[in-house]
Amino acid sequence: DFKSGILRIGAVSGAELVDATLSVRPAGG
């Protein structure tokens, strides 16, 4: 069982969707 969870990241400006790049790193580096 590879333990996992779901992370959903959005980018908005008010009610409009924004095109953005995302980077996710462990908080400790």
mmCIF file of all heavy atoms, coordinates in Angstrom:
data_MODEL
# 
_entry.id   MODEL 
# 
loop_
_atom_site.group_PDB 
_atom_site.id 
_atom_site.type_symbol 
_atom_site.label_atom_id 
_atom_site.label_alt_id 
_atom_site.label_comp_id 
_atom_site.label_asym_id 
_atom_site.label_entity_id 
_atom_site.label_seq_id 
_atom_site.pdbx_PDB_ins_code 
_atom_site.Cartn_x 
_atom_site.Cartn_y 
_atom_site.Cartn_z 
_atom_site.occupancy 
_atom_site.B_iso_or_equiv 
_atom_site.pdbx_formal_charge 
_atom_site.auth_seq_id 
_atom_site.auth_comp_id 
_atom_site.auth_asym_id 
_atom_site.auth_atom_id 
_atom_site.pdbx_PDB_model_num 
ATOM 1   N N   . ASP A 1 1  ? 0.849   -1.184 0.000   1.00 0.00 ? 1  ASP A N   1 
ATOM 2   C CA  . ASP A 1 1  ? 0.000   0.000  0.000   1.00 0.00 ? 1  ASP A CA  1 
ATOM 3   C C   . ASP A 1 1  ? 0.892   1.243  0.000   1.00 0.00 ? 1  ASP A C   1 
ATOM 4   O O   . ASP A 1 1  ? 1.461   1.598  1.025   1.00 0.00 ? 1  ASP A O   1 
ATOM 5   C CB  . ASP A 1 1  ? -0.903  -0.019 1.237   1.00 0.00 ? 1  ASP A CB  1 
ATOM 6   C CG  . ASP A 1 1  ? -1.886  1.137  1.268   1.00 0.00 ? 1  ASP A CG  1 
ATOM 7   O OD1 . ASP A 1 1  ? -1.955  1.899  0.275   1.00 0.00 ? 1  ASP A OD1 1 
ATOM 8   O OD2 . ASP A 1 1  ? -2.580  1.284  2.282   1.00 0.00 ? 1  ASP A OD2 1 
ATOM 9   N N   . PHE A 1 2  ? 1.055   1.850  -1.172  1.00 0.00 ? 2  PHE A N   1 
ATOM 10  C CA  . PHE A 1 2  ? 1.773   3.122  -1.246  1.00 0.00 ? 2  PHE A CA  1 
ATOM 11  C C   . PHE A 1 2  ? 0.835   4.187  -0.711  1.00 0.00 ? 2  PHE A C   1 
ATOM 12  O O   . PHE A 1 2  ? -0.146  4.556  -1.363  1.00 0.00 ? 2  PHE A O   1 
ATOM 13  C CB  . PHE A 1 2  ? 2.163   3.453  -2.695  1.00 0.00 ? 2  PHE A CB  1 
ATOM 14  C CG  . PHE A 1 2  ? 3.309   2.650  -3.226  1.00 0.00 ? 2  PHE A CG  1 
ATOM 15  C CD1 . PHE A 1 2  ? 3.083   1.561  -4.049  1.00 0.00 ? 2  PHE A CD1 1 
ATOM 16  C CD2 . PHE A 1 2  ? 4.614   2.991  -2.913  1.00 0.00 ? 2  PHE A CD2 1 
ATOM 17  C CE1 . PHE A 1 2  ? 4.137   0.821  -4.551  1.00 0.00 ? 2  PHE A CE1 1 
ATOM 18  C CE2 . PHE A 1 2  ? 5.678   2.257  -3.410  1.00 0.00 ? 2  PHE A CE2 1 
ATOM 19  C CZ  . PHE A 1 2  ? 5.436   1.169  -4.225  1.00 0.00 ? 2  PHE A CZ  1 
ATOM 20  N N   . LYS A 1 3  ? 1.070   4.653  0.493   1.00 0.00 ? 3  LYS A N   1 
ATOM 21  C CA  . LYS A 1 3  ? 0.208   5.661  1.111   1.00 0.00 ? 3  LYS A CA  1 
ATOM 22  C C   . LYS A 1 3  ? 0.252   6.939  0.286   1.00 0.00 ? 3  LYS A C   1 
ATOM 23  O O   . LYS A 1 3  ? 1.318   7.408  -0.108  1.00 0.00 ? 3  LYS A O   1 
ATOM 24  C CB  . LYS A 1 3  ? 0.659   5.969  2.541   1.00 0.00 ? 3  LYS A CB  1 
ATOM 25  C CG  . LYS A 1 3  ? 0.597   4.779  3.472   1.00 0.00 ? 3  LYS A CG  1 
ATOM 26  C CD  . LYS A 1 3  ? -0.820  4.422  3.798   1.00 0.00 ? 3  LYS A CD  1 
ATOM 27  C CE  . LYS A 1 3  ? -0.865  3.296  4.820   1.00 0.00 ? 3  LYS A CE  1 
ATOM 28  N NZ  . LYS A 1 3  ? -2.138  2.654  4.885   1.00 0.00 ? 3  LYS A NZ  1 
ATOM 29  N N   . SER A 1 4  ? -0.913  7.491  0.021   1.00 0.00 ? 4  SER A N   1 
ATOM 30  C CA  . SER A 1 4  ? -0.980  8.715  -0.759  1.00 0.00 ? 4  SER A CA  1 
ATOM 31  C C   . SER A 1 4  ? -2.227  9.506  -0.406  1.00 0.00 ? 4  SER A C   1 
ATOM 32  O O   . SER A 1 4  ? -3.151  8.998  0.221   1.00 0.00 ? 4  SER A O   1 
ATOM 33  C CB  . SER A 1 4  ? -0.994  8.395  -2.261  1.00 0.00 ? 4  SER A CB  1 
ATOM 34  O OG  . SER A 1 4  ? -2.176  7.702  -2.605  1.00 0.00 ? 4  SER A OG  1 
ATOM 35  N N   . GLY A 1 5  ? -2.204  10.745 -0.823  1.00 0.00 ? 5  GLY A N   1 
ATOM 36  C CA  . GLY A 1 5  ? -3.355  11.622 -0.699  1.00 0.00 ? 5  GLY A CA  1 
ATOM 37  C C   . GLY A 1 5  ? -3.454  12.457 -1.961  1.00 0.00 ? 5  GLY A C   1 
ATOM 38  O O   . GLY A 1 5  ? -2.560  12.453 -2.805  1.00 0.00 ? 5  GLY A O   1 
ATOM 39  N N   . ILE A 1 6  ? -4.543  13.180 -2.084  1.00 0.00 ? 6  ILE A N   1 
ATOM 40  C CA  . ILE A 1 6  ? -4.783  14.033 -3.253  1.00 0.00 ? 6  ILE A CA  1 
ATOM 41  C C   . ILE A 1 6  ? -4.536  15.488 -2.850  1.00 0.00 ? 6  ILE A C   1 
ATOM 42  O O   . ILE A 1 6  ? -5.026  15.951 -1.825  1.00 0.00 ? 6  ILE A O   1 
ATOM 43  C CB  . ILE A 1 6  ? -6.234  13.894 -3.758  1.00 0.00 ? 6  ILE A CB  1 
ATOM 44  C CG1 . ILE A 1 6  ? -6.566  12.444 -4.090  1.00 0.00 ? 6  ILE A CG1 1 
ATOM 45  C CG2 . ILE A 1 6  ? -6.487  14.820 -4.944  1.00 0.00 ? 6  ILE A CG2 1 
ATOM 46  C CD1 . ILE A 1 6  ? -5.799  11.874 -5.240  1.00 0.00 ? 6  ILE A CD1 1 
ATOM 47  N N   . LEU A 1 7  ? -3.766  16.181 -3.683  1.00 0.00 ? 7  LEU A N   1 
ATOM 48  C CA  . LEU A 1 7  ? -3.547  17.614 -3.518  1.00 0.00 ? 7  LEU A CA  1 
ATOM 49  C C   . LEU A 1 7  ? -4.102  18.293 -4.759  1.00 0.00 ? 7  LEU A C   1 
ATOM 50  O O   . LEU A 1 7  ? -3.729  17.956 -5.881  1.00 0.00 ? 7  LEU A O   1 
ATOM 51  C CB  . LEU A 1 7  ? -2.059  17.929 -3.367  1.00 0.00 ? 7  LEU A CB  1 
ATOM 52  C CG  . LEU A 1 7  ? -1.704  19.417 -3.295  1.00 0.00 ? 7  LEU A CG  1 
ATOM 53  C CD1 . LEU A 1 7  ? -2.352  20.084 -2.086  1.00 0.00 ? 7  LEU A CD1 1 
ATOM 54  C CD2 . LEU A 1 7  ? -0.185  19.595 -3.266  1.00 0.00 ? 7  LEU A CD2 1 
ATOM 55  N N   . ARG A 1 8  ? -5.023  19.241 -4.544  1.00 0.00 ? 8  ARG A N   1 
ATOM 56  C CA  . ARG A 1 8  ? -5.627  20.009 -5.639  1.00 0.00 ? 8  ARG A CA  1 
ATOM 57  C C   . ARG A 1 8  ? -5.257  21.477 -5.440  1.00 0.00 ? 8  ARG A C   1 
ATOM 58  O O   . ARG A 1 8  ? -5.616  22.069 -4.430  1.00 0.00 ? 8  ARG A O   1 
ATOM 59  C CB  . ARG A 1 8  ? -7.143  19.825 -5.647  1.00 0.00 ? 8  ARG A CB  1 
ATOM 60  C CG  . ARG A 1 8  ? -7.560  18.388 -5.975  1.00 0.00 ? 8  ARG A CG  1 
ATOM 61  C CD  . ARG A 1 8  ? -9.055  18.142 -5.780  1.00 0.00 ? 8  ARG A CD  1 
ATOM 62  N NE  . ARG A 1 8  ? -9.918  19.134 -6.376  1.00 0.00 ? 8  ARG A NE  1 
ATOM 63  C CZ  . ARG A 1 8  ? -10.395 19.094 -7.623  1.00 0.00 ? 8  ARG A CZ  1 
ATOM 64  N NH1 . ARG A 1 8  ? -10.091 18.078 -8.406  1.00 0.00 ? 8  ARG A NH1 1 
ATOM 65  N NH2 . ARG A 1 8  ? -11.173 20.048 -8.088  1.00 0.00 ? 8  ARG A NH2 1 
ATOM 66  N N   . ILE A 1 9  ? -4.528  22.021 -6.426  1.00 0.00 ? 9  ILE A N   1 
ATOM 67  C CA  . ILE A 1 9  ? -4.084  23.415 -6.357  1.00 0.00 ? 9  ILE A CA  1 
ATOM 68  C C   . ILE A 1 9  ? -4.679  24.182 -7.531  1.00 0.00 ? 9  ILE A C   1 
ATOM 69  O O   . ILE A 1 9  ? -4.503  23.805 -8.689  1.00 0.00 ? 9  ILE A O   1 
ATOM 70  C CB  . ILE A 1 9  ? -2.542  23.519 -6.410  1.00 0.00 ? 9  ILE A CB  1 
ATOM 71  C CG1 . ILE A 1 9  ? -1.914  22.755 -5.252  1.00 0.00 ? 9  ILE A CG1 1 
ATOM 72  C CG2 . ILE A 1 9  ? -2.095  24.978 -6.418  1.00 0.00 ? 9  ILE A CG2 1 
ATOM 73  C CD1 . ILE A 1 9  ? -2.203  23.324 -3.883  1.00 0.00 ? 9  ILE A CD1 1 
ATOM 74  N N   . GLY A 1 10 ? -5.375  25.263 -7.207  1.00 0.00 ? 10 GLY A N   1 
ATOM 75  C CA  . GLY A 1 10 ? -5.963  26.116 -8.225  1.00 0.00 ? 10 GLY A CA  1 
ATOM 76  C C   . GLY A 1 10 ? -5.291  27.471 -8.260  1.00 0.00 ? 10 GLY A C   1 
ATOM 77  O O   . GLY A 1 10 ? -4.621  27.878 -7.311  1.00 0.00 ? 10 GLY A O   1 
ATOM 78  N N   . ALA A 1 11 ? -5.484  28.182 -9.369  1.00 0.00 ? 11 ALA A N   1 
ATOM 79  C CA  . ALA A 1 11 ? -4.993  29.551 -9.508  1.00 0.00 ? 11 ALA A CA  1 
ATOM 80  C C   . ALA A 1 11 ? -6.141  30.381 -10.048 1.00 0.00 ? 11 ALA A C   1 
ATOM 81  O O   . ALA A 1 11 ? -6.718  30.066 -11.096 1.00 0.00 ? 11 ALA A O   1 
ATOM 82  C CB  . ALA A 1 11 ? -3.798  29.600 -10.450 1.00 0.00 ? 11 ALA A CB  1 
ATOM 83  N N   . VAL A 1 12 ? -6.501  31.436 -9.298  1.00 0.00 ? 12 VAL A N   1 
ATOM 84  C CA  . VAL A 1 12 ? -7.641  32.271 -9.657  1.00 0.00 ? 12 VAL A CA  1 
ATOM 85  C C   . VAL A 1 12 ? -7.314  33.746 -9.476  1.00 0.00 ? 12 VAL A C   1 
ATOM 86  O O   . VAL A 1 12 ? -6.361  34.100 -8.783  1.00 0.00 ? 12 VAL A O   1 
ATOM 87  C CB  . VAL A 1 12 ? -8.896  31.911 -8.804  1.00 0.00 ? 12 VAL A CB  1 
ATOM 88  C CG1 . VAL A 1 12 ? -9.330  30.475 -9.044  1.00 0.00 ? 12 VAL A CG1 1 
ATOM 89  C CG2 . VAL A 1 12 ? -8.642  32.154 -7.331  1.00 0.00 ? 12 VAL A CG2 1 
ATOM 90  N N   . SER A 1 13 ? -8.128  34.567 -10.102 1.00 0.00 ? 13 SER A N   1 
ATOM 91  C CA  . SER A 1 13 ? -8.130  35.996 -9.842  1.00 0.00 ? 13 SER A CA  1 
ATOM 92  C C   . SER A 1 13 ? -9.602  36.355 -9.714  1.00 0.00 ? 13 SER A C   1 
ATOM 93  O O   . SER A 1 13 ? -10.310 36.457 -10.716 1.00 0.00 ? 13 SER A O   1 
ATOM 94  C CB  . SER A 1 13 ? -7.469  36.773 -10.987 1.00 0.00 ? 13 SER A CB  1 
ATOM 95  O OG  . SER A 1 13 ? -7.521  38.168 -10.703 1.00 0.00 ? 13 SER A OG  1 
ATOM 96  N N   . GLY A 1 14 ? -10.058 36.467 -8.486  1.00 0.00 ? 14 GLY A N   1 
ATOM 97  C CA  . GLY A 1 14 ? -11.486 36.617 -8.244  1.00 0.00 ? 14 GLY A CA  1 
ATOM 98  C C   . GLY A 1 14 ? -12.190 35.350 -8.681  1.00 0.00 ? 14 GLY A C   1 
ATOM 99  O O   . GLY A 1 14 ? -11.877 34.265 -8.233  1.00 0.00 ? 14 GLY A O   1 
ATOM 100 N N   . ALA A 1 15 ? -13.119 35.477 -9.657  1.00 0.00 ? 15 ALA A N   1 
ATOM 101 C CA  . ALA A 1 15 ? -13.851 34.314 -10.152 1.00 0.00 ? 15 ALA A CA  1 
ATOM 102 C C   . ALA A 1 15 ? -13.230 33.725 -11.416 1.00 0.00 ? 15 ALA A C   1 
ATOM 103 O O   . ALA A 1 15 ? -13.683 32.696 -11.902 1.00 0.00 ? 15 ALA A O   1 
ATOM 104 C CB  . ALA A 1 15 ? -15.297 34.698 -10.428 1.00 0.00 ? 15 ALA A CB  1 
ATOM 105 N N   . GLU A 1 16 ? -12.168 34.364 -11.950 1.00 0.00 ? 16 GLU A N   1 
ATOM 106 C CA  . GLU A 1 16 ? -11.544 33.893 -13.189 1.00 0.00 ? 16 GLU A CA  1 
ATOM 107 C C   . GLU A 1 16 ? -10.402 32.931 -12.905 1.00 0.00 ? 16 GLU A C   1 
ATOM 108 O O   . GLU A 1 16 ? -9.635  33.121 -11.960 1.00 0.00 ? 16 GLU A O   1 
ATOM 109 C CB  . GLU A 1 16 ? -11.007 35.080 -13.991 1.00 0.00 ? 16 GLU A CB  1 
ATOM 110 C CG  . GLU A 1 16 ? -12.092 35.958 -14.569 1.00 0.00 ? 16 GLU A CG  1 
ATOM 111 C CD  . GLU A 1 16 ? -11.508 37.026 -15.489 1.00 0.00 ? 16 GLU A CD  1 
ATOM 112 O OE1 . GLU A 1 16 ? -10.477 36.749 -16.148 1.00 0.00 ? 16 GLU A OE1 1 
ATOM 113 O OE2 . GLU A 1 16 ? -12.079 38.122 -15.525 1.00 0.00 ? 16 GLU A OE2 1 
ATOM 114 N N   . LEU A 1 17 ? -10.283 31.910 -13.761 1.00 0.00 ? 17 LEU A N   1 
ATOM 115 C CA  . LEU A 1 17 ? -9.178  30.964 -13.652 1.00 0.00 ? 17 LEU A CA  1 
ATOM 116 C C   . LEU A 1 17 ? -7.917  31.586 -14.235 1.00 0.00 ? 17 LEU A C   1 
ATOM 117 O O   . LEU A 1 17 ? -7.966  32.308 -15.230 1.00 0.00 ? 17 LEU A O   1 
ATOM 118 C CB  . LEU A 1 17 ? -9.509  29.666 -14.398 1.00 0.00 ? 17 LEU A CB  1 
ATOM 119 C CG  . LEU A 1 17 ? -10.737 28.911 -13.888 1.00 0.00 ? 17 LEU A CG  1 
ATOM 120 C CD1 . LEU A 1 17 ? -11.009 27.686 -14.769 1.00 0.00 ? 17 LEU A CD1 1 
ATOM 121 C CD2 . LEU A 1 17 ? -10.557 28.488 -12.441 1.00 0.00 ? 17 LEU A CD2 1 
ATOM 122 N N   . VAL A 1 18 ? -6.777  31.313 -13.599 1.00 0.00 ? 18 VAL A N   1 
ATOM 123 C CA  . VAL A 1 18 ? -5.487  31.871 -14.020 1.00 0.00 ? 18 VAL A CA  1 
ATOM 124 C C   . VAL A 1 18 ? -4.580  30.733 -14.471 1.00 0.00 ? 18 VAL A C   1 
ATOM 125 O O   . VAL A 1 18 ? -4.465  29.709 -13.790 1.00 0.00 ? 18 VAL A O   1 
ATOM 126 C CB  . VAL A 1 18 ? -4.827  32.649 -12.851 1.00 0.00 ? 18 VAL A CB  1 
ATOM 127 C CG1 . VAL A 1 18 ? -3.413  33.071 -13.197 1.00 0.00 ? 18 VAL A CG1 1 
ATOM 128 C CG2 . VAL A 1 18 ? -5.679  33.854 -12.463 1.00 0.00 ? 18 VAL A CG2 1 
ATOM 129 N N   . ASP A 1 19 ? -3.917  30.916 -15.596 1.00 0.00 ? 19 ASP A N   1 
ATOM 130 C CA  . ASP A 1 19 ? -2.926  29.962 -16.081 1.00 0.00 ? 19 ASP A CA  1 
ATOM 131 C C   . ASP A 1 19 ? -1.651  30.150 -15.253 1.00 0.00 ? 19 ASP A C   1 
ATOM 132 O O   . ASP A 1 19 ? -1.069  31.236 -15.237 1.00 0.00 ? 19 ASP A O   1 
ATOM 133 C CB  . ASP A 1 19 ? -2.655  30.227 -17.571 1.00 0.00 ? 19 ASP A CB  1 
ATOM 134 C CG  . ASP A 1 19 ? -1.731  29.204 -18.203 1.00 0.00 ? 19 ASP A CG  1 
ATOM 135 O OD1 . ASP A 1 19 ? -1.415  28.173 -17.562 1.00 0.00 ? 19 ASP A OD1 1 
ATOM 136 O OD2 . ASP A 1 19 ? -1.328  29.428 -19.361 1.00 0.00 ? 19 ASP A OD2 1 
ATOM 137 N N   . ALA A 1 20 ? -1.235  29.099 -14.554 1.00 0.00 ? 20 ALA A N   1 
ATOM 138 C CA  . ALA A 1 20 ? -0.074  29.215 -13.670 1.00 0.00 ? 20 ALA A CA  1 
ATOM 139 C C   . ALA A 1 20 ? 0.703   27.904 -13.637 1.00 0.00 ? 20 ALA A C   1 
ATOM 140 O O   . ALA A 1 20 ? 0.149   26.830 -13.846 1.00 0.00 ? 20 ALA A O   1 
ATOM 141 C CB  . ALA A 1 20 ? -0.532  29.580 -12.255 1.00 0.00 ? 20 ALA A CB  1 
ATOM 142 N N   . THR A 1 21 ? 2.010   28.022 -13.376 1.00 0.00 ? 21 THR A N   1 
ATOM 143 C CA  . THR A 1 21 ? 2.835   26.840 -13.149 1.00 0.00 ? 21 THR A CA  1 
ATOM 144 C C   . THR A 1 21 ? 2.848   26.542 -11.656 1.00 0.00 ? 21 THR A C   1 
ATOM 145 O O   . THR A 1 21 ? 2.741   27.450 -10.825 1.00 0.00 ? 21 THR A O   1 
ATOM 146 C CB  . THR A 1 21 ? 4.272   27.037 -13.660 1.00 0.00 ? 21 THR A CB  1 
ATOM 147 O OG1 . THR A 1 21 ? 4.857   28.145 -12.976 1.00 0.00 ? 21 THR A OG1 1 
ATOM 148 C CG2 . THR A 1 21 ? 4.294   27.268 -15.162 1.00 0.00 ? 21 THR A CG2 1 
ATOM 149 N N   . LEU A 1 22 ? 2.981   25.268 -11.332 1.00 0.00 ? 22 LEU A N   1 
ATOM 150 C CA  . LEU A 1 22 ? 2.943   24.828 -9.938  1.00 0.00 ? 22 LEU A CA  1 
ATOM 151 C C   . LEU A 1 22 ? 4.180   23.999 -9.623  1.00 0.00 ? 22 LEU A C   1 
ATOM 152 O O   . LEU A 1 22 ? 4.602   23.176 -10.433 1.00 0.00 ? 22 LEU A O   1 
ATOM 153 C CB  . LEU A 1 22 ? 1.715   23.948 -9.685  1.00 0.00 ? 22 LEU A CB  1 
ATOM 154 C CG  . LEU A 1 22 ? 0.362   24.481 -10.137 1.00 0.00 ? 22 LEU A CG  1 
ATOM 155 C CD1 . LEU A 1 22 ? -0.695  23.396 -9.994  1.00 0.00 ? 22 LEU A CD1 1 
ATOM 156 C CD2 . LEU A 1 22 ? -0.009  25.690 -9.314  1.00 0.00 ? 22 LEU A CD2 1 
ATOM 157 N N   . SER A 1 23 ? 4.724   24.204 -8.441  1.00 0.00 ? 23 SER A N   1 
ATOM 158 C CA  . SER A 1 23 ? 5.815   23.380 -7.952  1.00 0.00 ? 23 SER A CA  1 
ATOM 159 C C   . SER A 1 23 ? 5.487   22.992 -6.516  1.00 0.00 ? 23 SER A C   1 
ATOM 160 O O   . SER A 1 23 ? 5.118   23.843 -5.704  1.00 0.00 ? 23 SER A O   1 
ATOM 161 C CB  . SER A 1 23 ? 7.139   24.148 -8.001  1.00 0.00 ? 23 SER A CB  1 
ATOM 162 O OG  . SER A 1 23 ? 8.173   23.379 -7.417  1.00 0.00 ? 23 SER A OG  1 
ATOM 163 N N   . VAL A 1 24 ? 5.611   21.689 -6.213  1.00 0.00 ? 24 VAL A N   1 
ATOM 164 C CA  . VAL A 1 24 ? 5.289   21.171 -4.886  1.00 0.00 ? 24 VAL A CA  1 
ATOM 165 C C   . VAL A 1 24 ? 6.523   20.447 -4.359  1.00 0.00 ? 24 VAL A C   1 
ATOM 166 O O   . VAL A 1 24 ? 6.978   19.473 -4.954  1.00 0.00 ? 24 VAL A O   1 
ATOM 167 C CB  . VAL A 1 24 ? 4.086   20.200 -4.958  1.00 0.00 ? 24 VAL A CB  1 
ATOM 168 C CG1 . VAL A 1 24 ? 3.737   19.677 -3.574  1.00 0.00 ? 24 VAL A CG1 1 
ATOM 169 C CG2 . VAL A 1 24 ? 2.885   20.871 -5.612  1.00 0.00 ? 24 VAL A CG2 1 
ATOM 170 N N   . ARG A 1 25 ? 7.085   20.962 -3.254  1.00 0.00 ? 25 ARG A N   1 
ATOM 171 C CA  . ARG A 1 25 ? 8.279   20.364 -2.630  1.00 0.00 ? 25 ARG A CA  1 
ATOM 172 C C   . ARG A 1 25 ? 7.997   20.077 -1.154  1.00 0.00 ? 25 ARG A C   1 
ATOM 173 O O   . ARG A 1 25 ? 7.204   20.784 -0.538  1.00 0.00 ? 25 ARG A O   1 
ATOM 174 C CB  . ARG A 1 25 ? 9.461   21.320 -2.694  1.00 0.00 ? 25 ARG A CB  1 
ATOM 175 C CG  . ARG A 1 25 ? 9.970   21.576 -4.080  1.00 0.00 ? 25 ARG A CG  1 
ATOM 176 C CD  . ARG A 1 25 ? 11.262  22.401 -4.037  1.00 0.00 ? 25 ARG A CD  1 
ATOM 177 N NE  . ARG A 1 25 ? 11.740  22.698 -5.363  1.00 0.00 ? 25 ARG A NE  1 
ATOM 178 C CZ  . ARG A 1 25 ? 12.493  21.885 -6.092  1.00 0.00 ? 25 ARG A CZ  1 
ATOM 179 N NH1 . ARG A 1 25 ? 12.851  20.737 -5.606  1.00 0.00 ? 25 ARG A NH1 1 
ATOM 180 N NH2 . ARG A 1 25 ? 12.873  22.228 -7.299  1.00 0.00 ? 25 ARG A NH2 1 
ATOM 181 N N   . PRO A 1 26 ? 8.670   19.076 -0.591  1.00 0.00 ? 26 PRO A N   1 
ATOM 182 C CA  . PRO A 1 26 ? 8.530   18.862 0.849   1.00 0.00 ? 26 PRO A CA  1 
ATOM 183 C C   . PRO A 1 26 ? 8.890   20.140 1.608   1.00 0.00 ? 26 PRO A C   1 
ATOM 184 O O   . PRO A 1 26 ? 9.837   20.849 1.228   1.00 0.00 ? 26 PRO A O   1 
ATOM 185 C CB  . PRO A 1 26 ? 9.536   17.747 1.146   1.00 0.00 ? 26 PRO A CB  1 
ATOM 186 C CG  . PRO A 1 26 ? 9.689   17.028 -0.159  1.00 0.00 ? 26 PRO A CG  1 
ATOM 187 C CD  . PRO A 1 26 ? 9.561   18.098 -1.215  1.00 0.00 ? 26 PRO A CD  1 
ATOM 188 N N   . ALA A 1 27 ? 8.134   20.449 2.663   1.00 0.00 ? 27 ALA A N   1 
ATOM 189 C CA  . ALA A 1 27 ? 8.337   21.694 3.411   1.00 0.00 ? 27 ALA A CA  1 
ATOM 190 C C   . ALA A 1 27 ? 9.748   21.789 3.980   1.00 0.00 ? 27 ALA A C   1 
ATOM 191 O O   . ALA A 1 27 ? 10.307  22.872 4.077   1.00 0.00 ? 27 ALA A O   1 
ATOM 192 C CB  . ALA A 1 27 ? 7.306   21.814 4.527   1.00 0.00 ? 27 ALA A CB  1 
ATOM 193 N N   . GLY A 1 28 ? 10.335  20.664 4.332   1.00 0.00 ? 28 GLY A N   1 
ATOM 194 C CA  . GLY A 1 28 ? 11.680  20.666 4.895   1.00 0.00 ? 28 GLY A CA  1 
ATOM 195 C C   . GLY A 1 28 ? 12.775  20.696 3.847   1.00 0.00 ? 28 GLY A C   1 
ATOM 196 O O   . GLY A 1 28 ? 13.949  20.609 4.172   1.00 0.00 ? 28 GLY A O   1 
ATOM 197 N N   . GLY A 1 29 ? 12.409  20.797 2.581   1.00 0.00 ? 29 GLY A N   1 
ATOM 198 C CA  . GLY A 1 29 ? 13.380  20.775 1.494   1.00 0.00 ? 29 GLY A CA  1 
ATOM 199 C C   . GLY A 1 29 ? 13.429  19.396 0.856   1.00 0.00 ? 29 GLY A C   1 
ATOM 200 O O   . GLY A 1 29 ? 12.837  18.442 1.348   1.00 0.00 ? 29 GLY A O   1 
# 
